[in-house]
Amino acid sequence: MLTLIQIAQVLLSVLSMIILAQFVLSLLIAFNVVNTYNDFVRQFYNGLNQITEPLYRPIRRILPDFGQLDFSPMVVLLLIRIAGLVLDNVALTIATGRPL
């Protein structure tokens, strides 16, 4: 059971890194530091968007419209952090045998 929790924690960490990479790349594209006419950049960015968009879509429906600002990545990162804390507590409960 602890191994499954550790695998889930690693997957949450990887997902956090993907979200951060997508955020940084979108900033670089917005400020014309990276050119989207490059096939690799375009495919990489589209791949990151395909991974993150299903996570952002339900949150975008709930959050009010802030114009050009999109707070859904920040909300997803917050939810990932909360899920990580819950998994830590579950792992501690399983390891010690005492409820928190």
N, C-alpha and C. Protein backbone atom coordinates (compact mmCIF):
# COMPACT_ATOMS: atom_id res chain seq x y z
N MET A 1 0.82 -1.20 0.00
CA MET A 1 0.00 0.00 0.00
C MET A 1 0.87 1.26 0.00
N LEU A 2 1.95 1.22 0.78
CA LEU A 2 2.84 2.38 0.81
C LEU A 2 3.48 2.63 -0.56
N THR A 3 3.76 1.55 -1.27
CA THR A 3 4.34 1.70 -2.60
C THR A 3 3.37 2.40 -3.55
N LEU A 4 2.11 2.08 -3.47
CA LEU A 4 1.11 2.75 -4.31
C LEU A 4 1.01 4.23 -3.97
N ILE A 5 1.10 4.54 -2.70
CA ILE A 5 1.05 5.95 -2.29
C ILE A 5 2.29 6.68 -2.80
N GLN A 6 3.44 6.04 -2.74
CA GLN A 6 4.66 6.67 -3.25
C GLN A 6 4.59 6.88 -4.76
N ILE A 7 4.01 5.91 -5.48
CA ILE A 7 3.84 6.07 -6.93
C ILE A 7 2.90 7.24 -7.22
N ALA A 8 1.83 7.36 -6.46
CA ALA A 8 0.90 8.48 -6.64
C ALA A 8 1.59 9.81 -6.35
N GLN A 9 2.45 9.84 -5.34
CA GLN A 9 3.17 11.07 -5.03
C GLN A 9 4.13 11.45 -6.15
N VAL A 10 4.80 10.46 -6.73
CA VAL A 10 5.70 10.73 -7.85
C VAL A 10 4.90 11.25 -9.05
N LEU A 11 3.76 10.65 -9.32
CA LEU A 11 2.93 11.11 -10.44
C LEU A 11 2.44 12.54 -10.22
N LEU A 12 2.10 12.87 -8.98
CA LEU A 12 1.69 14.25 -8.68
C LEU A 12 2.85 15.21 -8.88
N SER A 13 4.06 14.80 -8.52
CA SER A 13 5.24 15.64 -8.73
C SER A 13 5.51 15.85 -10.22
N VAL A 14 5.39 14.79 -10.99
CA VAL A 14 5.58 14.90 -12.44
C VAL A 14 4.54 15.83 -13.04
N LEU A 15 3.30 15.70 -12.61
CA LEU A 15 2.24 16.57 -13.10
C LEU A 15 2.52 18.03 -12.74
N SER A 16 3.03 18.27 -11.56
CA SER A 16 3.39 19.64 -11.17
C SER A 16 4.48 20.19 -12.08
N MET A 17 5.46 19.38 -12.39
CA MET A 17 6.54 19.82 -13.29
C MET A 17 6.01 20.10 -14.69
N ILE A 18 5.09 19.30 -15.16
CA ILE A 18 4.49 19.52 -16.48
C ILE A 18 3.74 20.85 -16.50
N ILE A 19 3.00 21.13 -15.44
CA ILE A 19 2.25 22.39 -15.37
C ILE A 19 3.20 23.57 -15.33
N LEU A 20 4.27 23.47 -14.55
CA LEU A 20 5.25 24.56 -14.49
C LEU A 20 5.96 24.74 -15.83
N ALA A 21 6.29 23.65 -16.51
CA ALA A 21 6.93 23.76 -17.83
C ALA A 21 5.99 24.42 -18.83
N GLN A 22 4.72 24.06 -18.78
CA GLN A 22 3.74 24.67 -19.69
C GLN A 22 3.59 26.16 -19.39
N PHE A 23 3.61 26.52 -18.12
CA PHE A 23 3.50 27.93 -17.73
C PHE A 23 4.70 28.73 -18.23
N VAL A 24 5.91 28.22 -18.00
CA VAL A 24 7.12 28.92 -18.43
C VAL A 24 7.16 29.03 -19.95
N LEU A 25 6.83 27.95 -20.64
CA LEU A 25 6.85 27.99 -22.10
C LEU A 25 5.81 28.97 -22.64
N SER A 26 4.64 29.05 -22.01
CA SER A 26 3.63 30.00 -22.47
C SER A 26 4.10 31.44 -22.27
N LEU A 27 4.83 31.70 -21.18
CA LEU A 27 5.40 33.04 -20.98
C LEU A 27 6.45 33.35 -22.04
N LEU A 28 7.31 32.38 -22.32
CA LEU A 28 8.34 32.60 -23.34
C LEU A 28 7.73 32.84 -24.71
N ILE A 29 6.65 32.16 -25.01
CA ILE A 29 5.96 32.38 -26.28
C ILE A 29 5.27 33.74 -26.29
N ALA A 30 4.67 34.13 -25.17
CA ALA A 30 3.96 35.41 -25.10
C ALA A 30 4.91 36.59 -25.28
N PHE A 31 6.15 36.46 -24.80
CA PHE A 31 7.12 37.55 -24.91
C PHE A 31 8.04 37.38 -26.11
N ASN A 32 7.68 36.49 -27.03
CA ASN A 32 8.41 36.25 -28.27
C ASN A 32 9.87 35.86 -28.04
N VAL A 33 10.15 35.18 -26.96
CA VAL A 33 11.49 34.65 -26.72
C VAL A 33 11.64 33.34 -27.49
N VAL A 34 10.56 32.57 -27.54
CA VAL A 34 10.54 31.30 -28.26
C VAL A 34 9.56 31.45 -29.42
N ASN A 35 9.97 30.97 -30.57
CA ASN A 35 9.16 31.11 -31.78
C ASN A 35 8.32 29.85 -31.99
N THR A 36 7.03 30.02 -32.13
CA THR A 36 6.14 28.86 -32.34
C THR A 36 6.16 28.36 -33.78
N TYR A 37 6.90 29.03 -34.66
CA TYR A 37 7.04 28.52 -36.02
C TYR A 37 7.99 27.33 -36.06
N ASN A 38 8.77 27.15 -35.01
CA ASN A 38 9.64 25.99 -34.89
C ASN A 38 8.76 24.77 -34.60
N ASP A 39 8.92 23.72 -35.39
CA ASP A 39 8.07 22.53 -35.25
C ASP A 39 8.21 21.88 -33.88
N PHE A 40 9.43 21.79 -33.37
CA PHE A 40 9.62 21.15 -32.06
C PHE A 40 8.91 21.93 -30.96
N VAL A 41 9.07 23.24 -30.97
CA VAL A 41 8.44 24.07 -29.94
C VAL A 41 6.93 23.96 -30.03
N ARG A 42 6.39 24.00 -31.24
CA ARG A 42 4.94 23.92 -31.43
C ARG A 42 4.40 22.56 -30.96
N GLN A 43 5.08 21.48 -31.33
CA GLN A 43 4.62 20.15 -30.92
C GLN A 43 4.76 19.95 -29.42
N PHE A 44 5.85 20.45 -28.84
CA PHE A 44 6.05 20.33 -27.40
C PHE A 44 4.97 21.10 -26.64
N TYR A 45 4.70 22.32 -27.09
CA TYR A 45 3.68 23.14 -26.44
C TYR A 45 2.29 22.53 -26.60
N ASN A 46 1.99 22.02 -27.78
CA ASN A 46 0.69 21.36 -27.99
C ASN A 46 0.56 20.11 -27.13
N GLY A 47 1.65 19.36 -26.98
CA GLY A 47 1.62 18.18 -26.12
C GLY A 47 1.37 18.54 -24.67
N LEU A 48 2.04 19.59 -24.20
CA LEU A 48 1.81 20.05 -22.82
C LEU A 48 0.37 20.52 -22.64
N ASN A 49 -0.16 21.22 -23.64
CA ASN A 49 -1.55 21.68 -23.55
C ASN A 49 -2.53 20.52 -23.54
N GLN A 50 -2.25 19.47 -24.30
CA GLN A 50 -3.14 18.31 -24.31
C GLN A 50 -3.14 17.60 -22.97
N ILE A 51 -2.02 17.65 -22.26
CA ILE A 51 -1.95 17.02 -20.94
C ILE A 51 -2.68 17.87 -19.90
N THR A 52 -2.48 19.18 -19.95
CA THR A 52 -3.00 20.05 -18.89
C THR A 52 -4.42 20.54 -19.12
N GLU A 53 -4.86 20.61 -20.35
CA GLU A 53 -6.18 21.18 -20.63
C GLU A 53 -7.33 20.44 -19.95
N PRO A 54 -7.33 19.09 -19.90
CA PRO A 54 -8.42 18.42 -19.17
C PRO A 54 -8.45 18.75 -17.68
N LEU A 55 -7.32 19.14 -17.12
CA LEU A 55 -7.29 19.55 -15.72
C LEU A 55 -7.81 20.97 -15.54
N TYR A 56 -7.50 21.83 -16.50
CA TYR A 56 -7.88 23.24 -16.39
C TYR A 56 -9.35 23.48 -16.70
N ARG A 57 -9.91 22.72 -17.62
CA ARG A 57 -11.27 22.99 -18.13
C ARG A 57 -12.32 23.07 -17.03
N PRO A 58 -12.41 22.10 -16.10
CA PRO A 58 -13.45 22.22 -15.06
C PRO A 58 -13.23 23.41 -14.13
N ILE A 59 -11.98 23.75 -13.90
CA ILE A 59 -11.68 24.88 -13.02
C ILE A 59 -12.03 26.19 -13.71
N ARG A 60 -11.79 26.28 -15.00
CA ARG A 60 -12.13 27.49 -15.75
C ARG A 60 -13.63 27.73 -15.76
N ARG A 61 -14.42 26.66 -15.70
CA ARG A 61 -15.87 26.83 -15.64
C ARG A 61 -16.30 27.41 -14.30
N ILE A 62 -15.56 27.11 -13.24
CA ILE A 62 -15.93 27.57 -11.90
C ILE A 62 -15.41 28.98 -11.63
N LEU A 63 -14.16 29.25 -12.03
CA LEU A 63 -13.55 30.55 -11.75
C LEU A 63 -14.21 31.65 -12.59
N PRO A 64 -14.31 32.85 -12.02
CA PRO A 64 -14.82 33.97 -12.83
C PRO A 64 -13.79 34.37 -13.88
N ASP A 65 -14.24 35.10 -14.89
CA ASP A 65 -13.36 35.53 -15.97
C ASP A 65 -12.51 36.70 -15.49
N PHE A 66 -11.19 36.56 -15.61
CA PHE A 66 -10.27 37.62 -15.21
C PHE A 66 -9.61 38.25 -16.43
N GLY A 67 -10.25 38.19 -17.56
CA GLY A 67 -9.68 38.76 -18.78
C GLY A 67 -8.57 37.87 -19.31
N GLN A 68 -7.39 38.45 -19.48
CA GLN A 68 -6.25 37.71 -20.02
C GLN A 68 -5.57 36.80 -19.00
N LEU A 69 -5.88 36.99 -17.73
CA LEU A 69 -5.24 36.18 -16.69
C LEU A 69 -5.96 34.85 -16.51
N ASP A 70 -5.18 33.78 -16.42
CA ASP A 70 -5.73 32.45 -16.23
C ASP A 70 -5.16 31.89 -14.93
N PHE A 71 -6.00 31.78 -13.92
CA PHE A 71 -5.56 31.30 -12.62
C PHE A 71 -5.75 29.79 -12.46
N SER A 72 -6.23 29.11 -13.48
CA SER A 72 -6.47 27.67 -13.35
C SER A 72 -5.20 26.86 -13.10
N PRO A 73 -4.03 27.19 -13.69
CA PRO A 73 -2.83 26.42 -13.33
C PRO A 73 -2.47 26.56 -11.85
N MET A 74 -2.66 27.74 -11.30
CA MET A 74 -2.36 27.95 -9.88
C MET A 74 -3.31 27.13 -9.01
N VAL A 75 -4.58 27.07 -9.39
CA VAL A 75 -5.55 26.28 -8.62
C VAL A 75 -5.22 24.80 -8.71
N VAL A 76 -4.84 24.33 -9.91
CA VAL A 76 -4.48 22.92 -10.07
C VAL A 76 -3.25 22.59 -9.24
N LEU A 77 -2.25 23.47 -9.23
CA LEU A 77 -1.06 23.23 -8.41
C LEU A 77 -1.41 23.20 -6.93
N LEU A 78 -2.32 24.04 -6.50
CA LEU A 78 -2.77 24.03 -5.11
C LEU A 78 -3.48 22.72 -4.78
N LEU A 79 -4.33 22.26 -5.67
CA LEU A 79 -5.03 20.99 -5.45
C LEU A 79 -4.06 19.81 -5.44
N ILE A 80 -3.04 19.87 -6.29
CA ILE A 80 -2.02 18.81 -6.29
C ILE A 80 -1.27 18.80 -4.96
N ARG A 81 -0.97 19.98 -4.46
CA ARG A 81 -0.26 20.07 -3.17
C ARG A 81 -1.13 19.51 -2.04
N ILE A 82 -2.42 19.84 -2.05
CA ILE A 82 -3.33 19.32 -1.03
C ILE A 82 -3.42 17.80 -1.13
N ALA A 83 -3.51 17.28 -2.36
CA ALA A 83 -3.56 15.82 -2.53
C ALA A 83 -2.28 15.17 -2.03
N GLY A 84 -1.14 15.83 -2.24
CA GLY A 84 0.12 15.31 -1.72
C GLY A 84 0.15 15.27 -0.21
N LEU A 85 -0.39 16.29 0.43
CA LEU A 85 -0.45 16.30 1.90
C LEU A 85 -1.36 15.20 2.42
N VAL A 86 -2.48 14.99 1.74
CA VAL A 86 -3.39 13.90 2.15
C VAL A 86 -2.69 12.56 2.01
N LEU A 87 -1.98 12.36 0.91
CA LEU A 87 -1.25 11.11 0.71
C LEU A 87 -0.16 10.92 1.77
N ASP A 88 0.51 12.01 2.14
CA ASP A 88 1.52 11.92 3.21
C ASP A 88 0.88 11.46 4.51
N ASN A 89 -0.26 12.03 4.84
CA ASN A 89 -0.94 11.64 6.08
C ASN A 89 -1.43 10.20 6.04
N VAL A 90 -1.92 9.77 4.90
CA VAL A 90 -2.36 8.37 4.76
C VAL A 90 -1.16 7.43 4.90
N ALA A 91 -0.05 7.78 4.28
CA ALA A 91 1.15 6.95 4.39
C ALA A 91 1.65 6.89 5.82
N LEU A 92 1.61 8.00 6.52
CA LEU A 92 2.03 8.02 7.92
C LEU A 92 1.11 7.18 8.78
N THR A 93 -0.18 7.25 8.52
CA THR A 93 -1.15 6.44 9.27
C THR A 93 -0.92 4.95 9.02
N ILE A 94 -0.66 4.60 7.78
CA ILE A 94 -0.42 3.19 7.46
C ILE A 94 0.88 2.72 8.09
N ALA A 95 1.92 3.55 8.03
CA ALA A 95 3.23 3.14 8.54
C ALA A 95 3.24 3.00 10.06
N THR A 96 2.56 3.90 10.76
CA THR A 96 2.59 3.86 12.22
C THR A 96 1.45 3.05 12.81
N GLY A 97 0.38 2.88 12.05
CA GLY A 97 -0.78 2.15 12.55
C GLY A 97 -1.67 2.96 13.46
N ARG A 98 -1.35 4.25 13.62
CA ARG A 98 -2.16 5.13 14.47
C ARG A 98 -2.84 6.18 13.60
N PRO A 99 -4.12 6.42 13.82
CA PRO A 99 -4.79 7.49 13.06
C PRO A 99 -4.29 8.86 13.51
N LEU A 100 -4.33 9.79 12.59
CA LEU A 100 -3.87 11.15 12.91
C LEU A 100 -4.94 11.97 13.57
